[in-house]
């Protein structure tokens, strides 16, 4: 913003970049205030190799606990899987979707009444 001097930029690709901050006066004079070299890195969850065991989540959601630390975990809670990468099917023994579990519960209620 030429009036306030504030500014912002958005970079959508990764890589090494250089920036230069210039100050201009009303007469057109220009001076370099500062120069920076910086790296733009991907979000941890965008890099499969940063996941548990060096791979992405098979199921579930990638969770980045500490941004830009080169690692993320997998949250399997909304899936039928477990394991570091949500790759192991959960046991169905206690599943309420299993008809035998529902039938056993109904019979148990009938016997105790």
N, C-alpha and C. Protein backbone atom coordinates (compact mmCIF):
# COMPACT_ATOMS: atom_id res chain seq x y z
N UNK A 1 0.84 -1.17 0.00
CA UNK A 1 0.00 0.00 0.00
C UNK A 1 0.89 1.24 0.00
N UNK A 2 0.80 2.01 -1.01
CA UNK A 2 1.66 3.19 -1.14
C UNK A 2 1.33 4.28 -0.14
N UNK A 3 0.11 4.29 0.38
CA UNK A 3 -0.29 5.32 1.33
C UNK A 3 0.18 4.97 2.75
N UNK A 4 -0.07 3.73 3.17
CA UNK A 4 0.25 3.34 4.55
C UNK A 4 1.63 2.70 4.69
N UNK A 5 2.15 2.19 3.59
CA UNK A 5 3.44 1.50 3.65
C UNK A 5 3.32 0.04 4.01
N UNK A 6 2.11 -0.43 4.29
CA UNK A 6 1.93 -1.83 4.64
C UNK A 6 1.91 -2.68 3.37
N UNK A 7 2.22 -3.93 3.53
CA UNK A 7 2.23 -4.81 2.37
C UNK A 7 2.15 -6.26 2.79
N UNK A 8 1.76 -7.09 1.88
CA UNK A 8 1.69 -8.52 2.11
C UNK A 8 1.83 -9.21 0.77
N UNK A 9 2.24 -10.44 0.82
CA UNK A 9 2.32 -11.22 -0.40
C UNK A 9 1.95 -12.66 -0.10
N UNK A 10 1.55 -13.35 -1.11
CA UNK A 10 1.16 -14.75 -0.98
C UNK A 10 1.93 -15.57 -2.01
N UNK A 11 2.60 -16.59 -1.51
CA UNK A 11 3.37 -17.47 -2.40
C UNK A 11 2.70 -18.83 -2.39
N UNK A 12 2.37 -19.35 -3.56
CA UNK A 12 1.65 -20.62 -3.65
C UNK A 12 2.53 -21.78 -4.10
N UNK A 13 3.82 -21.54 -4.28
CA UNK A 13 4.72 -22.62 -4.67
C UNK A 13 5.92 -22.64 -3.73
N UNK A 14 6.55 -23.79 -3.64
CA UNK A 14 7.71 -23.93 -2.76
C UNK A 14 8.98 -23.57 -3.51
N UNK A 15 10.03 -23.28 -2.76
CA UNK A 15 11.31 -22.96 -3.37
C UNK A 15 12.06 -21.91 -2.59
N UNK A 16 13.15 -21.45 -3.15
CA UNK A 16 13.97 -20.39 -2.54
C UNK A 16 13.65 -19.08 -3.26
N UNK A 17 13.41 -18.03 -2.48
CA UNK A 17 13.03 -16.74 -3.02
C UNK A 17 13.89 -15.63 -2.43
N UNK A 18 13.95 -14.53 -3.14
CA UNK A 18 14.63 -13.33 -2.66
C UNK A 18 13.62 -12.19 -2.67
N UNK A 19 13.71 -11.35 -1.66
CA UNK A 19 12.83 -10.18 -1.58
C UNK A 19 13.68 -8.96 -1.28
N UNK A 20 13.25 -7.84 -1.81
CA UNK A 20 13.92 -6.57 -1.56
C UNK A 20 12.87 -5.55 -1.16
N UNK A 21 13.13 -4.86 -0.06
CA UNK A 21 12.25 -3.79 0.40
C UNK A 21 12.86 -2.46 -0.02
N UNK A 22 12.12 -1.72 -0.84
CA UNK A 22 12.57 -0.42 -1.33
C UNK A 22 11.75 0.69 -0.69
N UNK A 23 12.38 1.81 -0.47
CA UNK A 23 11.67 3.02 -0.03
C UNK A 23 11.83 4.07 -1.13
N UNK A 24 10.71 4.70 -1.48
CA UNK A 24 10.73 5.76 -2.51
C UNK A 24 10.22 7.06 -1.90
N UNK A 25 10.86 8.14 -2.29
CA UNK A 25 10.34 9.44 -1.86
C UNK A 25 9.48 10.03 -2.96
N UNK A 26 8.85 11.15 -2.69
CA UNK A 26 7.94 11.76 -3.66
C UNK A 26 8.66 12.26 -4.91
N UNK A 27 9.96 12.47 -4.82
CA UNK A 27 10.73 12.91 -5.98
C UNK A 27 11.19 11.77 -6.85
N UNK A 28 10.85 10.52 -6.47
CA UNK A 28 11.25 9.36 -7.27
C UNK A 28 12.55 8.72 -6.82
N UNK A 29 13.18 9.30 -5.78
CA UNK A 29 14.39 8.69 -5.25
C UNK A 29 14.07 7.35 -4.60
N UNK A 30 14.99 6.42 -4.70
CA UNK A 30 14.76 5.06 -4.22
C UNK A 30 15.98 4.57 -3.46
N UNK A 31 15.75 3.86 -2.36
CA UNK A 31 16.83 3.28 -1.58
C UNK A 31 16.42 1.88 -1.13
N UNK A 32 17.37 0.95 -1.10
CA UNK A 32 17.12 -0.41 -0.62
C UNK A 32 17.15 -0.38 0.91
N UNK A 33 16.05 -0.78 1.53
CA UNK A 33 15.95 -0.82 2.99
C UNK A 33 16.49 -2.13 3.52
N UNK A 34 16.14 -3.22 2.86
CA UNK A 34 16.59 -4.54 3.30
C UNK A 34 16.42 -5.55 2.17
N UNK A 35 17.17 -6.65 2.25
CA UNK A 35 17.04 -7.78 1.32
C UNK A 35 16.97 -9.06 2.13
N UNK A 36 16.16 -9.97 1.66
CA UNK A 36 16.01 -11.25 2.34
C UNK A 36 16.09 -12.38 1.33
N UNK A 37 16.64 -13.49 1.76
CA UNK A 37 16.56 -14.75 1.03
C UNK A 37 15.80 -15.70 1.96
N UNK A 38 14.81 -16.37 1.44
CA UNK A 38 14.02 -17.26 2.29
C UNK A 38 13.53 -18.47 1.50
N UNK A 39 13.24 -19.52 2.24
CA UNK A 39 12.72 -20.76 1.67
C UNK A 39 11.25 -20.88 1.99
N UNK A 40 10.46 -21.25 1.01
CA UNK A 40 9.05 -21.56 1.22
C UNK A 40 8.93 -23.07 1.13
N UNK A 41 8.50 -23.67 2.23
CA UNK A 41 8.42 -25.12 2.31
C UNK A 41 6.96 -25.55 2.33
N UNK A 42 6.68 -26.79 1.92
CA UNK A 42 5.30 -27.27 1.94
C UNK A 42 4.82 -27.51 3.37
N UNK A 43 3.54 -27.49 3.55
CA UNK A 43 2.93 -27.86 4.83
C UNK A 43 3.28 -29.33 5.08
N UNK A 44 3.60 -29.67 6.32
CA UNK A 44 4.03 -31.04 6.64
C UNK A 44 3.07 -32.10 6.12
N UNK A 45 1.76 -31.87 6.23
CA UNK A 45 0.78 -32.87 5.82
C UNK A 45 0.71 -33.07 4.31
N UNK A 46 1.35 -32.20 3.54
CA UNK A 46 1.39 -32.35 2.08
C UNK A 46 2.53 -33.26 1.62
N UNK A 47 3.40 -33.67 2.53
CA UNK A 47 4.56 -34.50 2.17
C UNK A 47 4.38 -35.87 2.83
N UNK A 48 4.02 -36.87 2.04
CA UNK A 48 3.76 -38.22 2.57
C UNK A 48 4.93 -38.75 3.39
N UNK A 49 6.14 -38.48 2.98
CA UNK A 49 7.32 -38.99 3.68
C UNK A 49 7.45 -38.45 5.10
N UNK A 50 6.72 -37.39 5.44
CA UNK A 50 6.76 -36.83 6.79
C UNK A 50 5.81 -37.57 7.75
N UNK A 51 5.01 -38.49 7.22
CA UNK A 51 4.05 -39.21 8.04
C UNK A 51 4.70 -40.34 8.83
N UNK A 52 3.91 -41.00 9.68
CA UNK A 52 4.44 -42.12 10.45
C UNK A 52 5.00 -43.19 9.51
N UNK A 53 6.12 -43.75 9.87
CA UNK A 53 6.78 -44.78 9.05
C UNK A 53 7.17 -44.27 7.66
N UNK A 54 7.26 -42.96 7.52
CA UNK A 54 7.66 -42.37 6.24
C UNK A 54 6.62 -42.48 5.15
N UNK A 55 5.34 -42.66 5.53
CA UNK A 55 4.27 -42.76 4.54
C UNK A 55 3.05 -41.95 4.97
N UNK A 56 2.13 -41.77 4.04
CA UNK A 56 0.90 -41.02 4.30
C UNK A 56 -0.08 -41.85 5.11
N UNK A 57 -1.14 -41.21 5.58
CA UNK A 57 -2.22 -41.92 6.26
C UNK A 57 -3.00 -42.72 5.22
N UNK A 58 -3.22 -44.00 5.49
CA UNK A 58 -3.98 -44.85 4.57
C UNK A 58 -5.45 -44.46 4.67
N UNK A 59 -5.94 -44.31 5.86
CA UNK A 59 -7.29 -43.82 6.15
C UNK A 59 -7.10 -42.73 7.21
N UNK A 60 -8.15 -42.09 7.60
CA UNK A 60 -8.02 -41.08 8.64
C UNK A 60 -7.54 -39.74 8.11
N UNK A 61 -7.15 -38.89 9.04
CA UNK A 61 -6.79 -37.51 8.72
C UNK A 61 -5.38 -37.23 9.22
N UNK A 62 -4.58 -36.61 8.38
CA UNK A 62 -3.23 -36.20 8.77
C UNK A 62 -3.34 -34.99 9.70
N UNK A 63 -2.62 -35.04 10.83
CA UNK A 63 -2.66 -33.98 11.83
C UNK A 63 -1.25 -33.46 12.04
N UNK A 64 -1.08 -32.16 11.86
CA UNK A 64 0.23 -31.53 12.02
C UNK A 64 0.28 -30.83 13.37
N UNK A 65 0.83 -31.52 14.38
CA UNK A 65 0.89 -30.97 15.73
C UNK A 65 1.80 -29.76 15.86
N UNK A 66 2.92 -29.78 15.18
CA UNK A 66 3.87 -28.66 15.21
C UNK A 66 4.19 -28.30 13.77
N UNK A 67 3.69 -27.17 13.29
CA UNK A 67 3.92 -26.79 11.89
C UNK A 67 5.41 -26.70 11.54
N UNK A 68 5.72 -27.14 10.34
CA UNK A 68 7.05 -27.01 9.74
C UNK A 68 8.15 -27.78 10.48
N UNK A 69 7.79 -28.87 11.18
CA UNK A 69 8.81 -29.66 11.87
C UNK A 69 9.18 -30.93 11.11
N UNK A 70 8.58 -31.13 9.93
CA UNK A 70 8.91 -32.29 9.12
C UNK A 70 8.25 -33.58 9.58
N UNK A 71 7.11 -33.48 10.28
CA UNK A 71 6.39 -34.69 10.69
C UNK A 71 4.92 -34.39 10.93
N UNK A 72 4.11 -35.44 10.82
CA UNK A 72 2.70 -35.37 11.18
C UNK A 72 2.24 -36.73 11.66
N UNK A 73 1.09 -36.77 12.30
CA UNK A 73 0.51 -38.03 12.77
C UNK A 73 -0.81 -38.27 12.04
N UNK A 74 -1.39 -39.44 12.24
CA UNK A 74 -2.67 -39.77 11.62
C UNK A 74 -3.72 -39.96 12.70
N UNK A 75 -4.88 -39.32 12.53
CA UNK A 75 -6.00 -39.47 13.44
C UNK A 75 -6.97 -40.45 12.80
N UNK A 76 -7.14 -41.60 13.42
CA UNK A 76 -7.98 -42.67 12.88
C UNK A 76 -9.36 -42.71 13.52
N UNK A 77 -9.68 -41.81 14.42
CA UNK A 77 -10.88 -41.91 15.24
C UNK A 77 -12.19 -41.98 14.46
N UNK A 78 -12.28 -41.39 13.30
CA UNK A 78 -13.52 -41.41 12.52
C UNK A 78 -13.52 -42.53 11.48
N UNK A 79 -12.62 -43.48 11.63
CA UNK A 79 -12.51 -44.57 10.66
C UNK A 79 -12.69 -45.92 11.34
N UNK A 80 -12.67 -46.96 10.56
CA UNK A 80 -12.71 -48.33 11.08
C UNK A 80 -11.31 -48.93 11.10
N UNK A 81 -10.30 -48.03 11.19
CA UNK A 81 -8.91 -48.48 11.17
C UNK A 81 -8.15 -47.95 12.37
N UNK A 82 -7.03 -48.57 12.66
CA UNK A 82 -6.13 -48.16 13.72
C UNK A 82 -4.70 -48.29 13.19
N UNK A 83 -3.73 -48.13 14.03
CA UNK A 83 -2.33 -48.22 13.60
C UNK A 83 -1.77 -46.83 13.33
N UNK A 84 -0.47 -46.73 13.25
CA UNK A 84 0.20 -45.43 13.05
C UNK A 84 -0.31 -44.69 11.82
N UNK A 85 -0.60 -45.44 10.75
CA UNK A 85 -1.05 -44.83 9.50
C UNK A 85 -2.51 -45.16 9.20
N UNK A 86 -3.26 -45.58 10.22
CA UNK A 86 -4.68 -45.97 10.05
C UNK A 86 -4.79 -47.06 8.99
N UNK A 87 -3.91 -48.03 9.07
CA UNK A 87 -3.83 -49.08 8.05
C UNK A 87 -4.33 -50.44 8.54
N UNK A 88 -4.63 -50.58 9.83
CA UNK A 88 -5.02 -51.87 10.40
C UNK A 88 -6.51 -51.84 10.69
N UNK A 89 -7.28 -52.77 10.09
CA UNK A 89 -8.73 -52.80 10.37
C UNK A 89 -8.97 -53.07 11.86
N UNK A 90 -9.92 -52.34 12.43
CA UNK A 90 -10.29 -52.58 13.84
C UNK A 90 -11.00 -53.92 13.95
N UNK A 91 -10.92 -54.52 15.11
CA UNK A 91 -11.60 -55.78 15.38
C UNK A 91 -13.11 -55.52 15.38
N UNK A 92 -13.89 -56.44 14.81
CA UNK A 92 -15.34 -56.30 14.77
C UNK A 92 -16.02 -56.97 15.96
N UNK A 93 -15.24 -57.53 16.90
CA UNK A 93 -15.82 -58.31 17.99
C UNK A 93 -16.79 -57.50 18.84
N UNK A 94 -16.57 -56.22 19.01
CA UNK A 94 -17.45 -55.40 19.85
C UNK A 94 -18.30 -54.45 19.01
N UNK A 95 -18.36 -54.69 17.73
CA UNK A 95 -19.08 -53.77 16.85
C UNK A 95 -20.58 -53.90 17.04
N UNK A 96 -21.28 -52.77 17.13
CA UNK A 96 -22.74 -52.80 17.23
C UNK A 96 -23.36 -53.05 15.87
N UNK A 97 -22.55 -53.03 14.80
CA UNK A 97 -23.06 -53.32 13.47
C UNK A 97 -23.16 -54.82 13.23
N UNK A 98 -22.55 -55.60 14.08
CA UNK A 98 -22.52 -57.05 13.93
C UNK A 98 -23.84 -57.62 14.44
N UNK A 99 -24.65 -58.28 13.58
CA UNK A 99 -25.96 -58.79 13.99
C UNK A 99 -25.89 -59.73 15.19
N UNK A 100 -24.82 -60.54 15.31
CA UNK A 100 -24.72 -61.48 16.43
C UNK A 100 -24.56 -60.74 17.75
N UNK A 101 -23.92 -59.59 17.74
CA UNK A 101 -23.76 -58.80 18.96
C UNK A 101 -25.11 -58.25 19.40
N UNK A 102 -25.89 -57.75 18.45
CA UNK A 102 -27.22 -57.22 18.76
C UNK A 102 -28.12 -58.34 19.25
N UNK A 103 -28.10 -59.50 18.59
CA UNK A 103 -28.92 -60.64 18.98
C UNK A 103 -28.56 -61.10 20.39
N UNK A 104 -27.28 -61.17 20.72
CA UNK A 104 -26.86 -61.58 22.05
C UNK A 104 -27.35 -60.59 23.09
N UNK A 105 -27.36 -59.32 22.81
CA UNK A 105 -27.84 -58.32 23.73
C UNK A 105 -29.34 -58.46 23.97
N UNK A 106 -30.09 -58.74 22.91
CA UNK A 106 -31.56 -58.93 23.04
C UNK A 106 -31.86 -60.16 23.84
N UNK A 107 -31.17 -61.27 23.58
CA UNK A 107 -31.40 -62.52 24.32
C UNK A 107 -31.03 -62.30 25.77
N UNK A 108 -29.95 -61.62 26.05
CA UNK A 108 -29.53 -61.35 27.43
C UNK A 108 -30.58 -60.55 28.18
N UNK A 109 -31.19 -59.58 27.52
CA UNK A 109 -32.24 -58.78 28.15
C UNK A 109 -33.46 -59.64 28.42
N UNK A 110 -33.82 -60.52 27.47
CA UNK A 110 -34.99 -61.38 27.62
C UNK A 110 -34.80 -62.36 28.78
N UNK A 111 -33.61 -62.86 28.96
CA UNK A 111 -33.34 -63.85 30.01
C UNK A 111 -33.40 -63.19 31.39
N UNK A 112 -32.91 -61.96 31.51
CA UNK A 112 -32.85 -61.31 32.80
C UNK A 112 -34.18 -60.69 33.22
N UNK A 113 -35.14 -60.56 32.34
CA UNK A 113 -36.43 -59.93 32.68
C UNK A 113 -37.34 -60.86 33.34
